[in-house]
Protein backbone atom coordinates (compact mmCIF):
# COMPACT_ATOMS: atom_id res chain seq x y z
CA MET A 1 -27.37 -32.96 -1.80
CA THR A 2 -24.44 -32.90 0.60
CA ASN A 3 -24.56 -31.70 4.20
CA ALA A 4 -20.85 -30.89 4.31
CA TYR A 5 -21.50 -27.24 5.11
CA PRO A 6 -24.52 -27.12 7.44
CA HIS A 7 -23.61 -23.78 9.01
CA LEU A 8 -22.87 -22.08 5.70
CA PHE A 9 -26.19 -23.17 4.23
CA SER A 10 -28.37 -22.38 7.21
CA PRO A 11 -30.66 -19.33 6.95
CA VAL A 12 -29.83 -16.11 8.79
CA LYS A 13 -32.36 -13.62 10.16
CA ILE A 14 -31.48 -9.97 9.57
CA ALA A 15 -34.01 -7.71 11.26
CA GLU A 16 -37.33 -8.77 9.72
CA THR A 17 -35.78 -10.47 6.67
CA THR A 18 -34.64 -14.09 6.41
CA VAL A 19 -31.78 -14.80 3.98
CA LYS A 20 -31.57 -18.36 2.71
CA ASN A 21 -27.85 -18.92 3.36
CA ARG A 22 -24.81 -17.15 4.75
CA ILE A 23 -22.88 -16.55 1.55
CA PHE A 24 -23.30 -12.90 0.64
CA MET A 25 -21.68 -11.12 -2.28
CA PRO A 26 -19.88 -7.91 -1.31
CA PRO A 27 -19.66 -4.82 -3.54
CA ILE A 28 -17.25 -5.12 -6.47
CA SER A 29 -17.21 -2.42 -9.16
CA THR A 30 -17.97 -3.67 -12.66
CA ASN A 31 -18.02 -0.60 -14.94
CA LEU A 32 -21.15 -2.11 -16.50
CA ALA A 33 -23.45 0.81 -15.75
CA ASP A 34 -24.10 3.53 -18.32
CA LYS A 35 -23.78 6.99 -16.78
CA GLY A 36 -25.08 5.50 -13.54
CA TYR A 37 -28.01 3.67 -15.12
CA VAL A 38 -28.59 -0.07 -14.87
CA THR A 39 -27.82 -1.87 -18.14
CA ASP A 40 -28.78 -5.29 -19.45
CA ASP A 41 -25.18 -6.43 -18.90
CA LEU A 42 -25.41 -5.34 -15.27
CA VAL A 43 -28.68 -7.19 -14.76
CA ALA A 44 -27.22 -10.34 -16.33
CA HIS A 45 -24.11 -10.07 -14.15
CA TYR A 46 -25.98 -9.97 -10.84
CA ALA A 47 -28.73 -12.36 -11.96
CA ALA A 48 -26.07 -14.98 -12.75
CA ARG A 49 -24.76 -14.79 -9.16
CA ALA A 50 -28.30 -14.95 -7.78
CA LYS A 51 -29.05 -17.97 -9.97
CA GLY A 52 -25.81 -19.49 -8.69
CA GLY A 53 -27.19 -19.49 -5.15
CA VAL A 54 -25.87 -16.38 -3.38
CA GLY A 55 -28.09 -15.46 -0.44
CA LEU A 56 -27.72 -11.69 -0.62
CA ILE A 57 -25.98 -9.34 -3.04
CA VAL A 58 -24.57 -5.95 -2.11
CA THR A 59 -24.05 -4.19 -5.41
CA GLU A 60 -21.10 -2.03 -6.29
CA VAL A 61 -20.80 1.62 -5.29
CA THR A 62 -24.07 3.45 -5.92
CA THR A 63 -23.85 7.21 -5.65
CA VAL A 64 -26.52 9.23 -3.88
CA GLU A 65 -25.98 12.58 -5.65
CA PRO A 66 -25.07 13.58 -9.23
CA THR A 67 -22.12 15.95 -8.87
CA TYR A 68 -19.26 13.65 -7.92
CA ILE A 69 -18.43 10.50 -9.88
CA TYR A 70 -16.50 7.62 -8.32
CA LEU A 71 -15.88 5.54 -11.46
CA PRO A 72 -17.48 6.37 -14.82
CA GLY A 73 -19.12 2.94 -15.03
CA ASP A 74 -20.47 2.77 -11.48
CA MET A 75 -24.13 2.95 -10.51
CA SER A 76 -26.29 5.78 -9.22
CA ILE A 77 -29.69 6.27 -7.69
CA SER A 78 -29.51 10.01 -7.26
CA ASP A 79 -32.93 10.76 -8.77
CA ASP A 80 -36.14 9.00 -9.77
CA SER A 81 -34.98 8.36 -13.33
CA PHE A 82 -32.82 5.52 -12.01
CA ILE A 83 -35.74 3.64 -10.43
CA PRO A 84 -36.92 1.66 -13.51
CA GLY A 85 -33.47 0.14 -14.00
CA TRP A 86 -33.33 -0.83 -10.37
CA GLU A 87 -36.78 -2.40 -10.61
CA LYS A 88 -35.51 -4.56 -13.46
CA LEU A 89 -32.42 -5.51 -11.48
CA THR A 90 -34.21 -6.39 -8.24
CA LYS A 91 -36.79 -8.46 -10.13
CA ALA A 92 -34.04 -10.41 -11.91
CA VAL A 93 -32.29 -11.21 -8.64
CA HIS A 94 -35.42 -11.96 -6.61
CA GLN A 95 -36.61 -14.61 -9.07
CA TYR A 96 -33.82 -16.85 -7.71
CA GLY A 97 -34.62 -16.24 -4.05
CA ALA A 98 -31.69 -13.91 -3.39
CA LYS A 99 -31.87 -10.52 -1.70
CA ILE A 100 -30.26 -7.39 -3.15
CA MET A 101 -29.19 -4.01 -1.81
CA PRO A 102 -26.89 -1.29 -3.16
CA GLN A 103 -23.86 0.13 -1.40
CA LEU A 104 -24.82 3.77 -0.94
CA PHE A 105 -21.82 6.04 -1.31
CA HIS A 106 -20.71 9.64 -1.60
CA PRO A 107 -17.21 9.61 -3.12
CA ALA A 108 -16.23 13.10 -1.85
CA TYR A 109 -12.44 13.39 -2.01
CA MET A 110 -12.23 9.97 -3.70
CA ALA A 111 -14.25 11.21 -6.69
CA PHE A 112 -12.86 10.92 -10.19
CA PRO A 113 -11.95 14.47 -11.27
CA VAL A 114 -13.63 14.44 -14.68
CA PRO A 115 -13.54 17.82 -16.44
CA GLY A 116 -16.12 20.19 -15.03
CA THR A 117 -16.21 18.59 -11.59
CA PRO A 118 -16.10 21.25 -8.86
CA ARG A 119 -13.38 21.17 -6.24
CA LEU A 120 -13.69 17.92 -4.31
CA ILE A 121 -15.07 17.96 -0.78
CA ALA A 122 -13.76 16.11 2.27
CA PRO A 123 -14.11 16.05 6.04
CA SER A 124 -11.14 18.42 6.22
CA ASN A 125 -8.67 20.17 3.95
CA VAL A 126 -6.60 16.96 3.83
CA GLY A 127 -5.60 15.21 0.64
CA PRO A 128 -5.42 14.90 -2.27
CA TYR A 129 -6.19 11.48 -3.71
CA TYR A 130 -6.96 11.59 -7.46
CA ALA A 131 -7.27 15.36 -7.77
CA LYS A 132 -4.40 17.77 -8.32
CA GLU A 133 -5.50 20.06 -5.49
CA ALA A 134 -6.41 19.30 -1.91
CA PRO A 135 -10.16 19.02 -1.26
CA ARG A 136 -12.04 21.63 0.71
CA ALA A 137 -13.79 20.91 3.98
CA VAL A 138 -17.51 20.27 3.49
CA THR A 139 -19.79 22.67 5.36
CA ILE A 140 -22.40 21.69 7.93
CA ARG A 141 -25.14 23.03 5.64
CA GLU A 142 -23.86 20.80 2.84
CA LEU A 143 -23.84 17.83 5.23
CA GLU A 144 -27.52 18.44 6.01
CA VAL A 145 -28.29 18.18 2.29
CA ILE A 146 -26.12 15.06 1.87
CA ILE A 147 -27.88 13.32 4.77
CA GLU A 148 -31.20 13.96 3.03
CA GLN A 149 -29.73 12.63 -0.23
CA PHE A 150 -28.79 9.34 1.48
CA GLY A 151 -32.34 9.00 2.79
CA ALA A 152 -33.91 9.83 -0.57
CA ALA A 153 -31.63 7.35 -2.35
CA ALA A 154 -32.61 4.61 0.09
CA GLY A 155 -36.26 5.48 -0.46
CA ARG A 156 -35.82 4.95 -4.20
CA VAL A 157 -34.19 1.58 -3.53
CA LYS A 158 -37.20 0.52 -1.48
CA GLN A 159 -39.57 1.81 -4.16
CA ALA A 160 -37.69 -0.28 -6.73
CA GLY A 161 -38.10 -3.42 -4.62
CA GLY A 162 -34.67 -3.53 -3.02
CA ASP A 163 -34.28 -5.26 0.34
CA GLY A 164 -32.07 -2.68 2.02
CA VAL A 165 -28.90 -0.64 1.66
CA GLU A 166 -25.30 -0.84 2.74
CA ILE A 167 -23.86 2.40 4.08
CA HIS A 168 -20.17 2.50 3.18
CA ALA A 169 -18.10 3.90 6.06
CA ALA A 170 -15.02 1.69 5.73
CA HIS A 171 -11.46 2.05 4.45
CA ALA A 172 -11.18 5.81 5.18
CA HIS A 173 -13.00 5.88 1.85
CA GLY A 174 -15.47 8.39 0.50
CA LEU A 175 -17.26 10.93 2.66
CA LEU A 176 -18.52 8.68 5.47
CA GLY A 177 -15.36 6.59 5.71
CA GLY A 178 -13.32 9.79 5.73
CA PHE A 179 -15.38 11.33 8.52
CA LEU A 180 -14.98 8.19 10.63
CA SER A 181 -11.21 8.03 10.17
CA PRO A 182 -8.81 10.22 12.18
CA LEU A 183 -6.53 10.11 9.13
CA TYR A 184 -8.82 12.52 7.27
CA ASN A 185 -11.14 14.07 9.86
CA LYS A 186 -9.35 16.98 11.50
CA ARG A 187 -12.51 19.00 12.24
CA THR A 188 -13.12 20.83 15.50
CA ASP A 189 -16.89 21.29 15.08
CA PRO A 190 -19.55 18.76 16.22
CA TYR A 191 -18.54 16.41 13.34
CA GLY A 192 -14.91 16.05 14.43
CA GLY A 193 -12.58 15.80 17.38
CA ASP A 194 -13.15 12.61 19.34
CA ILE A 195 -14.64 9.36 18.10
CA ASN A 196 -18.21 10.47 18.85
CA GLY A 197 -17.77 13.54 16.69
CA ARG A 198 -16.28 11.54 13.83
CA LEU A 199 -19.13 9.01 14.05
CA ARG A 200 -21.92 11.59 14.14
CA LEU A 201 -22.42 11.83 10.35
CA VAL A 202 -22.80 8.06 9.94
CA LEU A 203 -25.36 7.91 12.77
CA GLU A 204 -27.36 10.75 11.23
CA VAL A 205 -27.37 9.00 7.86
CA ILE A 206 -28.67 5.81 9.50
CA ALA A 207 -31.41 7.77 11.25
CA GLN A 208 -32.49 9.42 7.99
CA VAL A 209 -32.57 6.13 6.07
CA ARG A 210 -34.65 4.53 8.81
CA LYS A 211 -37.01 7.53 8.88
CA VAL A 212 -37.59 7.25 5.13
CA CYS A 213 -37.66 3.46 4.76
CA GLY A 214 -39.09 2.10 8.01
CA LYS A 215 -38.32 -1.04 9.99
CA ASP A 216 -38.81 -3.62 7.23
CA PHE A 217 -35.71 -2.47 5.37
CA ILE A 218 -32.19 -3.75 6.00
CA ILE A 219 -29.52 -1.23 6.97
CA ASP A 220 -26.01 -2.67 6.83
CA VAL A 221 -22.96 -0.57 7.67
CA ARG A 222 -19.52 -1.42 6.31
CA ILE A 223 -16.64 -0.46 8.60
CA SER A 224 -12.94 -1.14 8.90
CA GLY A 225 -12.30 -3.09 12.06
CA ASP A 226 -8.76 -1.73 11.90
CA GLU A 227 -7.23 0.63 9.35
CA TYR A 228 -3.82 -1.02 9.84
CA THR A 229 -2.25 2.43 9.66
CA ASP A 230 -0.45 4.57 12.25
CA GLY A 231 -2.87 7.26 13.33
CA GLY A 232 -5.84 5.46 11.82
CA GLN A 233 -8.86 3.84 13.38
CA ASN A 234 -7.92 0.75 15.38
CA LEU A 235 -9.78 -2.27 16.71
CA ASN A 236 -10.55 -0.64 20.06
CA ASP A 237 -12.19 2.24 18.20
CA SER A 238 -14.16 -0.10 15.97
CA VAL A 239 -15.61 -2.14 18.82
CA TYR A 240 -17.01 1.07 20.26
CA VAL A 241 -18.22 2.20 16.82
CA ALA A 242 -19.96 -1.14 16.26
CA LYS A 243 -21.87 -0.79 19.54
CA GLN A 244 -23.05 2.70 18.59
CA LEU A 245 -24.11 1.54 15.14
CA GLU A 246 -26.23 -1.19 16.67
CA LYS A 247 -27.86 1.30 19.04
CA ALA A 248 -28.55 3.59 16.09
CA GLY A 249 -30.48 0.86 14.27
CA ALA A 250 -28.00 -0.93 12.01
CA ASP A 251 -29.27 -4.44 11.24
CA PHE A 252 -25.90 -6.03 10.48
CA LEU A 253 -22.25 -5.04 10.20
CA HIS A 254 -19.94 -5.73 7.29
CA VAL A 255 -16.49 -5.77 8.89
CA SER A 256 -13.55 -5.17 6.56
CA GLY A 257 -10.14 -3.65 7.26
CA GLY A 258 -7.45 -1.34 5.96
CA THR A 259 -7.79 1.72 3.76
CA THR A 260 -8.04 2.27 0.02
CA ILE A 261 -5.01 4.56 0.04
CA MET A 262 -2.97 1.52 1.10
CA ARG A 263 -5.04 -0.71 -1.17
CA GLY A 264 -3.30 -3.95 -0.27
CA SER A 265 -4.48 -3.54 3.31
CA SER A 266 -8.15 -3.60 2.34
CA ILE A 267 -8.05 -5.92 -0.70
CA PRO A 268 -5.68 -8.82 0.03
CA ALA A 269 -3.25 -9.78 -2.71
CA PRO A 270 -2.63 -13.28 -4.10
CA GLY A 271 -0.67 -15.52 -1.82
CA THR A 272 -1.85 -13.77 1.34
CA PRO A 273 -3.77 -15.73 3.97
CA MET A 274 -7.44 -16.39 3.36
CA GLY A 275 -9.90 -14.79 5.77
CA SER A 276 -7.69 -11.71 6.01
CA HIS A 277 -9.95 -9.62 8.26
CA ILE A 278 -11.52 -12.41 10.31
CA ARG A 279 -9.92 -11.50 13.64
CA LEU A 280 -11.61 -8.09 13.39
CA ALA A 281 -15.05 -9.57 12.77
CA GLU A 282 -14.51 -12.11 15.54
CA LYS A 283 -13.67 -9.42 18.08
CA ILE A 284 -16.54 -7.13 17.12
CA LYS A 285 -19.03 -10.04 17.05
CA LYS A 286 -18.40 -10.57 20.78
CA HIS A 287 -19.72 -7.10 21.58
CA VAL A 288 -22.88 -6.79 19.45
CA SER A 289 -26.04 -8.85 19.10
CA ILE A 290 -26.73 -8.10 15.41
CA PRO A 291 -25.18 -10.34 12.73
CA VAL A 292 -21.59 -9.67 11.68
CA ALA A 293 -20.17 -10.41 8.24
CA SER A 294 -16.49 -10.95 7.47
CA VAL A 295 -14.80 -10.32 4.14
CA GLY A 296 -11.36 -10.71 2.58
CA ARG A 297 -10.11 -13.60 0.47
CA ILE A 298 -12.66 -16.17 1.56
CA THR A 299 -12.40 -18.25 -1.59
CA GLU A 300 -13.15 -21.84 -0.57
CA PRO A 301 -16.32 -23.25 1.01
CA TRP A 302 -14.54 -25.25 3.71
CA LEU A 303 -13.05 -22.05 5.12
CA ALA A 304 -16.37 -20.21 5.12
CA GLU A 305 -17.95 -23.16 6.95
CA GLU A 306 -15.15 -23.17 9.53
CA LEU A 307 -15.39 -19.44 10.20
CA ILE A 308 -19.12 -19.66 10.87
CA ALA A 309 -19.05 -23.00 12.72
CA ASN A 310 -16.30 -21.76 15.02
CA GLY A 311 -18.28 -18.66 15.94
CA ARG A 312 -15.89 -16.20 14.33
CA THR A 313 -18.49 -14.63 12.03
CA ASP A 314 -22.16 -15.00 11.18
CA ILE A 315 -21.89 -14.34 7.45
CA CYS A 316 -19.15 -14.72 4.84
CA MET A 317 -18.87 -12.07 2.15
CA ILE A 318 -17.49 -13.94 -0.85
CA GLY A 319 -16.83 -11.64 -3.77
CA ARG A 320 -14.03 -12.57 -6.14
CA ALA A 321 -14.78 -16.30 -5.91
CA ASN A 322 -18.35 -15.58 -7.02
CA LEU A 323 -16.99 -13.52 -9.89
CA CYS A 324 -14.71 -16.34 -10.92
CA ASP A 325 -17.52 -18.88 -10.76
CA PRO A 326 -21.12 -17.58 -10.59
CA ALA A 327 -22.23 -21.10 -9.60
CA PHE A 328 -19.80 -21.22 -6.65
CA VAL A 329 -22.63 -21.52 -4.11
CA GLN A 330 -24.60 -24.20 -5.96
CA LYS A 331 -21.49 -26.33 -6.50
CA ALA A 332 -20.45 -26.04 -2.85
CA GLU A 333 -23.92 -26.95 -1.59
CA ALA A 334 -24.05 -29.95 -3.93
CA GLY A 335 -20.63 -31.19 -2.81
CA ARG A 336 -19.06 -30.52 -6.21
CA GLU A 337 -16.14 -28.44 -4.92
CA GLU A 338 -13.79 -29.86 -7.57
CA GLN A 339 -15.97 -28.20 -10.22
CA ILE A 340 -15.63 -24.70 -8.74
CA ARG A 341 -13.53 -22.53 -11.00
CA PRO A 342 -10.79 -21.38 -8.60
CA CYS A 343 -10.13 -17.72 -7.80
CA ILE A 344 -6.37 -17.07 -7.58
CA GLY A 345 -6.71 -13.58 -6.10
CA CYS A 346 -4.86 -11.99 -9.02
CA LEU A 347 -6.98 -8.80 -8.85
CA ARG A 348 -7.51 -8.49 -12.58
CA CYS A 349 -11.13 -7.80 -11.60
CA LEU A 350 -9.88 -4.64 -9.88
CA ASN A 351 -7.04 -3.56 -12.14
CA GLY A 352 -9.07 -3.19 -15.33
CA ILE A 353 -11.85 -1.08 -13.87
CA MET A 354 -9.31 1.43 -12.58
CA PHE A 355 -8.59 2.21 -16.24
CA GLY A 356 -12.22 2.37 -17.34
CA LYS A 357 -12.49 -1.19 -18.62
CA ARG A 358 -15.39 -3.50 -17.89
CA ILE A 359 -14.79 -6.12 -15.23
CA ALA A 360 -12.79 -9.19 -16.29
CA CYS A 361 -11.28 -12.30 -14.76
CA THR A 362 -8.04 -14.11 -15.57
CA VAL A 363 -9.51 -17.53 -14.86
CA ASN A 364 -13.09 -16.99 -16.03
CA PRO A 365 -13.44 -15.90 -19.69
CA SER A 366 -17.21 -15.88 -19.21
CA LEU A 367 -17.01 -12.37 -17.78
CA GLU A 368 -16.11 -11.12 -21.26
CA GLN A 369 -18.82 -10.18 -23.76
CA GLU A 370 -17.86 -13.03 -26.11
CA ASN A 371 -17.22 -15.91 -23.77
CA GLU A 372 -17.42 -19.61 -23.03
CA ASP A 373 -21.16 -19.41 -22.42
CA THR A 374 -22.03 -17.58 -25.64
CA VAL A 375 -19.99 -19.46 -28.25
CA SER A 376 -22.17 -20.78 -31.05
CA GLN A 377 -22.02 -24.09 -32.84
CA ALA A 378 -19.69 -24.07 -35.83
CA ALA A 379 -21.39 -24.09 -39.24
CA GLN A 380 -18.90 -26.72 -40.42
CA LYS A 381 -17.72 -29.36 -37.98
CA LYS A 382 -14.04 -30.27 -38.27
CA GLN A 383 -11.45 -32.58 -36.81
CA ILE A 384 -9.06 -30.44 -34.75
CA LEU A 385 -5.68 -31.31 -33.28
CA VAL A 386 -4.49 -29.08 -30.42
CA ILE A 387 -0.79 -29.53 -29.68
CA GLY A 388 0.22 -28.59 -26.15
CA ALA A 389 -1.92 -28.97 -23.04
CA GLY A 390 -0.92 -25.83 -21.23
CA PRO A 391 -3.74 -23.54 -20.08
CA ALA A 392 -4.10 -22.03 -23.56
CA GLY A 393 -4.19 -25.41 -25.23
CA MET A 394 -6.72 -26.81 -22.76
CA GLU A 395 -8.96 -23.78 -23.16
CA ALA A 396 -8.70 -23.91 -26.96
CA ALA A 397 -9.61 -27.60 -26.97
CA TYR A 398 -12.51 -26.98 -24.61
CA ILE A 399 -13.99 -24.18 -26.74
CA ALA A 400 -13.49 -26.11 -29.97
CA ALA A 401 -15.36 -29.04 -28.48
CA LYS A 402 -18.17 -26.77 -27.28
CA ARG A 403 -18.51 -25.51 -30.84
CA GLY A 404 -19.08 -29.07 -31.99
CA HIS A 405 -15.71 -30.01 -33.41
CA GLU A 406 -14.03 -33.36 -32.91
CA VAL A 407 -10.94 -32.49 -30.86
CA VAL A 408 -7.73 -34.32 -30.00
CA LEU A 409 -5.49 -32.67 -27.38
CA CYS A 410 -1.84 -33.78 -27.26
CA GLU A 411 0.88 -33.06 -24.70
CA LYS A 412 4.50 -34.24 -24.78
CA GLU A 413 4.91 -34.10 -20.98
CA ASP A 414 3.48 -36.65 -18.57
CA GLU A 415 0.68 -34.34 -17.46
CA PRO A 416 -1.08 -31.17 -18.64
CA GLY A 417 -0.51 -27.70 -17.22
CA GLY A 418 2.48 -26.41 -19.16
CA LEU A 419 4.27 -23.42 -17.70
CA LEU A 420 1.48 -22.90 -15.20
CA ARG A 421 2.85 -25.85 -13.22
CA ILE A 422 6.23 -24.16 -13.04
CA ALA A 423 4.63 -20.83 -12.12
CA ALA A 424 2.99 -22.51 -9.12
CA VAL A 425 6.34 -23.48 -7.58
CA PRO A 426 7.41 -20.19 -5.88
CA ILE A 427 6.20 -19.31 -2.42
CA ALA A 428 2.64 -17.90 -2.38
CA LYS A 429 1.84 -19.21 -5.89
CA GLN A 430 0.22 -22.46 -4.75
CA ASP A 431 -3.21 -21.35 -5.95
CA LEU A 432 -2.10 -21.82 -9.56
CA THR A 433 -2.11 -25.58 -9.02
CA LYS A 434 -5.85 -25.33 -8.48
CA VAL A 435 -6.26 -23.79 -11.92
CA VAL A 436 -4.34 -26.64 -13.55
CA LYS A 437 -6.37 -29.21 -11.65
CA TYR A 438 -9.65 -27.52 -12.53
CA MET A 439 -8.81 -27.33 -16.22
CA MET A 440 -7.60 -30.94 -16.30
CA GLU A 441 -10.78 -32.23 -14.67
CA ASN A 442 -13.37 -29.92 -16.22
CA CYS A 443 -12.00 -28.81 -19.59
CA THR A 444 -9.91 -31.67 -20.88
CA GLY A 445 -12.52 -34.14 -19.66
CA GLN A 446 -14.86 -32.88 -22.41
CA VAL A 447 -12.50 -33.27 -25.35
């Protein structure tokens, strides 16, 4: 076992819970739920990342009430009927020593306007996003009910064995993120106006969750350290917000950035710098005593180690890299970095779900239902010649060999890679070289 990443693989104490390492998995929608209910595919998805060594998993969006749907395949815990599925999920994750908590969310004006959905609600009559008409401002009486719904949802999570919840108030997204952002909160009642008014709803949700779930339950709040938008929340605002969240009882902060309206600001594109929001986490960390997590294109273990060792963050949220290789953590800890299937930041994992498809990955076929891990041995073993060692040829040879065939892979050029080597030449396409190298060392080595 290597000691190349001593900071990354040191435990971290969050309130009364100790997490075994500092690689957490942030929420990434999968479309694997069935009308909000946990499915076997969903359990297998998260269990694979837990088995791979992740310290804590924050699941995808989990709605707290039944009226508004974010994505048709997202999760819910809006009533007790969802508890058995969550019990199955938490048990599957806990068997590998990982912690798990949902991201509690009310989509509000970000809801998907499926037929029959009432007019969307928002902090103010500002919009629209998906819907054809602007949302209406939510009433204070409705907010009182929603606050109770957040608390009840968290109580169900605890009953199902979950370790805590993440309260999503980032990216000017959903009800809480919208209330916190001056882009969407134009209210003049106690829930609007200055920063304290905009923050009030989030603080009341935290108080309700703590009232229902007690001290031995993690409350994490996700915020944008900067919305990177004129008129939006900035870093000065977020430092103040972070202090108030700590006072209110938040156990750690998940610091992101940007907004979902300008999606590239919150989810960095391929070719952009790794650690895209780290300066925000670093600044906020200086002003709070609870742990701070950073997120945004942290795709290689050396970088995560550096960010923690240099005091810039306490925790690294590593999402897409753990999608691309569920054993990312195990391989990094064992010093087998060359065996990590490389994430190229292509965002296929995001693009498909926006159109109702289940989550997929360009580089990892094992996210598909029929995949590298489920291929069966061929009934009749054959001698197979694969001509051309581009990515398709290397993958074909690899799968044929896994099925038990005798495979010969031929390439006319001096080295494998095909057109992928040419595609890696332009500026910001360097990550494609990692795919070629991975396939050469891990796929072709078995044929």
